C-alpha cells in the first residue's frame, strides 16, 4: 500500500530540542521517530479516516473476487520464481 506523506517543520526552543533528543535517545530513536510516536499516541483513540474507493478500484476489486471464486487465480509460493516466469 502506498500512502502519501507530508513533511512538517516545527520551531521549538533549543532546550526543548535537547530534551527531545535525550528522551528519543533513551529509546534508541531519532527525534523525528520519537515525535511521530508521540503524535500517534496522542491520536490513537481517534477514528482513522476512511475514504470511498474510486469506481475503477471497485470494478477491479469485483473482477478479482469473481476470478478468485471461479478458480481462475493461482497461488504464488515463491515471488521470485513467479516473476522470472512472466
C-alpha atoms as a PDB file:
ATOM      1  CA  UNK A   1       0.000   0.000   0.000  1.00  0.00           C
ATOM      2  CA  UNK A   2       1.391   3.361  -0.956  1.00  0.00           C
ATOM      3  CA  UNK A   3       0.422   6.121   1.456  1.00  0.00           C
ATOM      4  CA  UNK A   4       1.174   9.726   0.767  1.00  0.00           C
ATOM      5  CA  UNK A   5       3.273  11.506   3.317  1.00  0.00           C
ATOM      6  CA  UNK A   6       3.694  15.115   4.328  1.00  0.00           C
ATOM      7  CA  UNK A   7       6.577  16.827   5.989  1.00  0.00           C
ATOM      8  CA  UNK A   8       6.149  19.479   8.651  1.00  0.00           C
ATOM      9  CA  UNK A   9       8.584  21.921  10.193  1.00  0.00           C
ATOM     10  CA  UNK A  10       8.220  22.851  13.837  1.00  0.00           C
ATOM     11  CA  UNK A  11      10.154  25.550  15.636  1.00  0.00           C
ATOM     12  CA  UNK A  12      10.864  24.809  19.301  1.00  0.00           C
ATOM     13  CA  UNK A  13      13.246  26.254  21.903  1.00  0.00           C
ATOM     14  CA  UNK A  14      16.745  24.756  21.949  1.00  0.00           C
ATOM     15  CA  UNK A  15      16.205  23.404  25.453  1.00  0.00           C
ATOM     16  CA  UNK A  16      13.130  21.506  24.286  1.00  0.00           C
ATOM     17  CA  UNK A  17      15.112  20.074  21.362  1.00  0.00           C
ATOM     18  CA  UNK A  18      17.788  18.920  23.804  1.00  0.00           C
ATOM     19  CA  UNK A  19      15.112  17.322  25.972  1.00  0.00           C
ATOM     20  CA  UNK A  20      13.576  15.561  22.959  1.00  0.00           C
ATOM     21  CA  UNK A  21      16.997  14.287  21.868  1.00  0.00           C
ATOM     22  CA  UNK A  22      17.566  12.926  25.356  1.00  0.00           C
ATOM     23  CA  UNK A  23      14.165  11.218  25.514  1.00  0.00           C
ATOM     24  CA  UNK A  24      14.475   9.824  21.982  1.00  0.00           C
ATOM     25  CA  UNK A  25      17.977   8.579  22.741  1.00  0.00           C
ATOM     26  CA  UNK A  26      16.696   6.573  25.706  1.00  0.00           C
ATOM     27  CA  UNK A  27      14.579   4.597  23.229  1.00  0.00           C
ATOM     28  CA  UNK A  28      17.291   4.470  20.563  1.00  0.00           C
ATOM     29  CA  UNK A  29      15.198   6.605  18.237  1.00  0.00           C
ATOM     30  CA  UNK A  30      15.869   9.721  16.182  1.00  0.00           C
ATOM     31  CA  UNK A  31      13.908  12.820  17.199  1.00  0.00           C
ATOM     32  CA  UNK A  32      11.594  12.525  14.174  1.00  0.00           C
ATOM     33  CA  UNK A  33      10.652   8.959  15.113  1.00  0.00           C
ATOM     34  CA  UNK A  34      10.087   9.905  18.732  1.00  0.00           C
ATOM     35  CA  UNK A  35       7.880  12.880  17.801  1.00  0.00           C
ATOM     36  CA  UNK A  36       5.940  10.663  15.364  1.00  0.00           C
ATOM     37  CA  UNK A  37       5.431   8.193  18.235  1.00  0.00           C
ATOM     38  CA  UNK A  38       4.148  10.981  20.497  1.00  0.00           C
ATOM     39  CA  UNK A  39       1.695  12.140  17.850  1.00  0.00           C
ATOM     40  CA  UNK A  40       0.446   8.596  17.240  1.00  0.00           C
ATOM     41  CA  UNK A  41      -0.044   8.062  20.977  1.00  0.00           C
ATOM     42  CA  UNK A  42      -1.990  11.331  21.150  1.00  0.00           C
ATOM     43  CA  UNK A  43      -4.382  10.401  18.335  1.00  0.00           C
ATOM     44  CA  UNK A  44      -4.661   6.639  18.914  1.00  0.00           C
ATOM     45  CA  UNK A  45      -8.183   6.946  20.314  1.00  0.00           C
ATOM     46  CA  UNK A  46      -9.433   8.795  17.237  1.00  0.00           C
ATOM     47  CA  UNK A  47     -11.149   7.017  14.367  1.00  0.00           C
ATOM     48  CA  UNK A  48      -8.853   6.660  11.388  1.00  0.00           C
ATOM     49  CA  UNK A  49     -10.430   8.362   8.383  1.00  0.00           C
ATOM     50  CA  UNK A  50     -11.763   6.084   5.671  1.00  0.00           C
ATOM     51  CA  UNK A  51     -12.427   7.051   2.099  1.00  0.00           C
ATOM     52  CA  UNK A  52     -14.687   5.768  -0.648  1.00  0.00           C
ATOM     53  CA  UNK A  53     -12.782   3.771  -3.265  1.00  0.00           C
ATOM     54  CA  UNK A  54     -12.878   5.042  -6.823  1.00  0.00           C
ATOM     55  CA  UNK A  55     -15.202   3.373  -9.325  1.00  0.00           C
ATOM     56  CA  UNK A  56     -12.155   1.905 -11.101  1.00  0.00           C
ATOM     57  CA  UNK A  57     -10.894   0.371  -7.847  1.00  0.00           C
ATOM     58  CA  UNK A  58     -14.354  -1.038  -7.114  1.00  0.00           C
ATOM     59  CA  UNK A  59     -14.531  -2.605 -10.602  1.00  0.00           C
ATOM     60  CA  UNK A  60     -11.036  -4.096 -10.220  1.00  0.00           C
ATOM     61  CA  UNK A  61     -11.928  -5.492  -6.815  1.00  0.00           C
ATOM     62  CA  UNK A  62     -15.143  -7.079  -8.049  1.00  0.00           C
ATOM     63  CA  UNK A  63     -13.350  -8.584 -11.061  1.00  0.00           C
ATOM     64  CA  UNK A  64     -10.606 -10.016  -8.826  1.00  0.00           C
ATOM     65  CA  UNK A  65     -13.149 -11.560  -6.438  1.00  0.00           C
ATOM     66  CA  UNK A  66     -15.077 -13.087  -9.352  1.00  0.00           C
ATOM     67  CA  UNK A  67     -11.860 -14.557 -10.790  1.00  0.00           C
ATOM     68  CA  UNK A  68     -10.944 -15.960  -7.380  1.00  0.00           C
ATOM     69  CA  UNK A  69     -14.363 -17.512  -6.867  1.00  0.00           C
ATOM     70  CA  UNK A  70     -14.239 -19.014 -10.387  1.00  0.00           C
ATOM     71  CA  UNK A  71     -10.890 -20.647  -9.593  1.00  0.00           C
ATOM     72  CA  UNK A  72      -9.042 -18.514 -12.129  1.00  0.00           C
ATOM     73  CA  UNK A  73      -6.338 -17.380  -9.733  1.00  0.00           C
ATOM     74  CA  UNK A  74      -3.022 -19.038  -8.941  1.00  0.00           C
ATOM     75  CA  UNK A  75      -1.309 -19.396  -5.607  1.00  0.00           C
ATOM     76  CA  UNK A  76       2.214 -17.971  -5.676  1.00  0.00           C
ATOM     77  CA  UNK A  77       4.621 -19.793  -3.401  1.00  0.00           C
ATOM     78  CA  UNK A  78       7.801 -18.001  -4.470  1.00  0.00           C
ATOM     79  CA  UNK A  79       7.566 -14.436  -5.765  1.00  0.00           C
ATOM     80  CA  UNK A  80      10.998 -14.514  -7.422  1.00  0.00           C
ATOM     81  CA  UNK A  81      10.159 -17.645  -9.394  1.00  0.00           C
ATOM     82  CA  UNK A  82       6.771 -16.217 -10.346  1.00  0.00           C
ATOM     83  CA  UNK A  83       8.299 -13.048 -11.791  1.00  0.00           C
ATOM     84  CA  UNK A  84      11.087 -14.965 -13.515  1.00  0.00           C
ATOM     85  CA  UNK A  85       8.449 -16.964 -15.408  1.00  0.00           C
ATOM     86  CA  UNK A  86       6.456 -13.932 -16.569  1.00  0.00           C
END
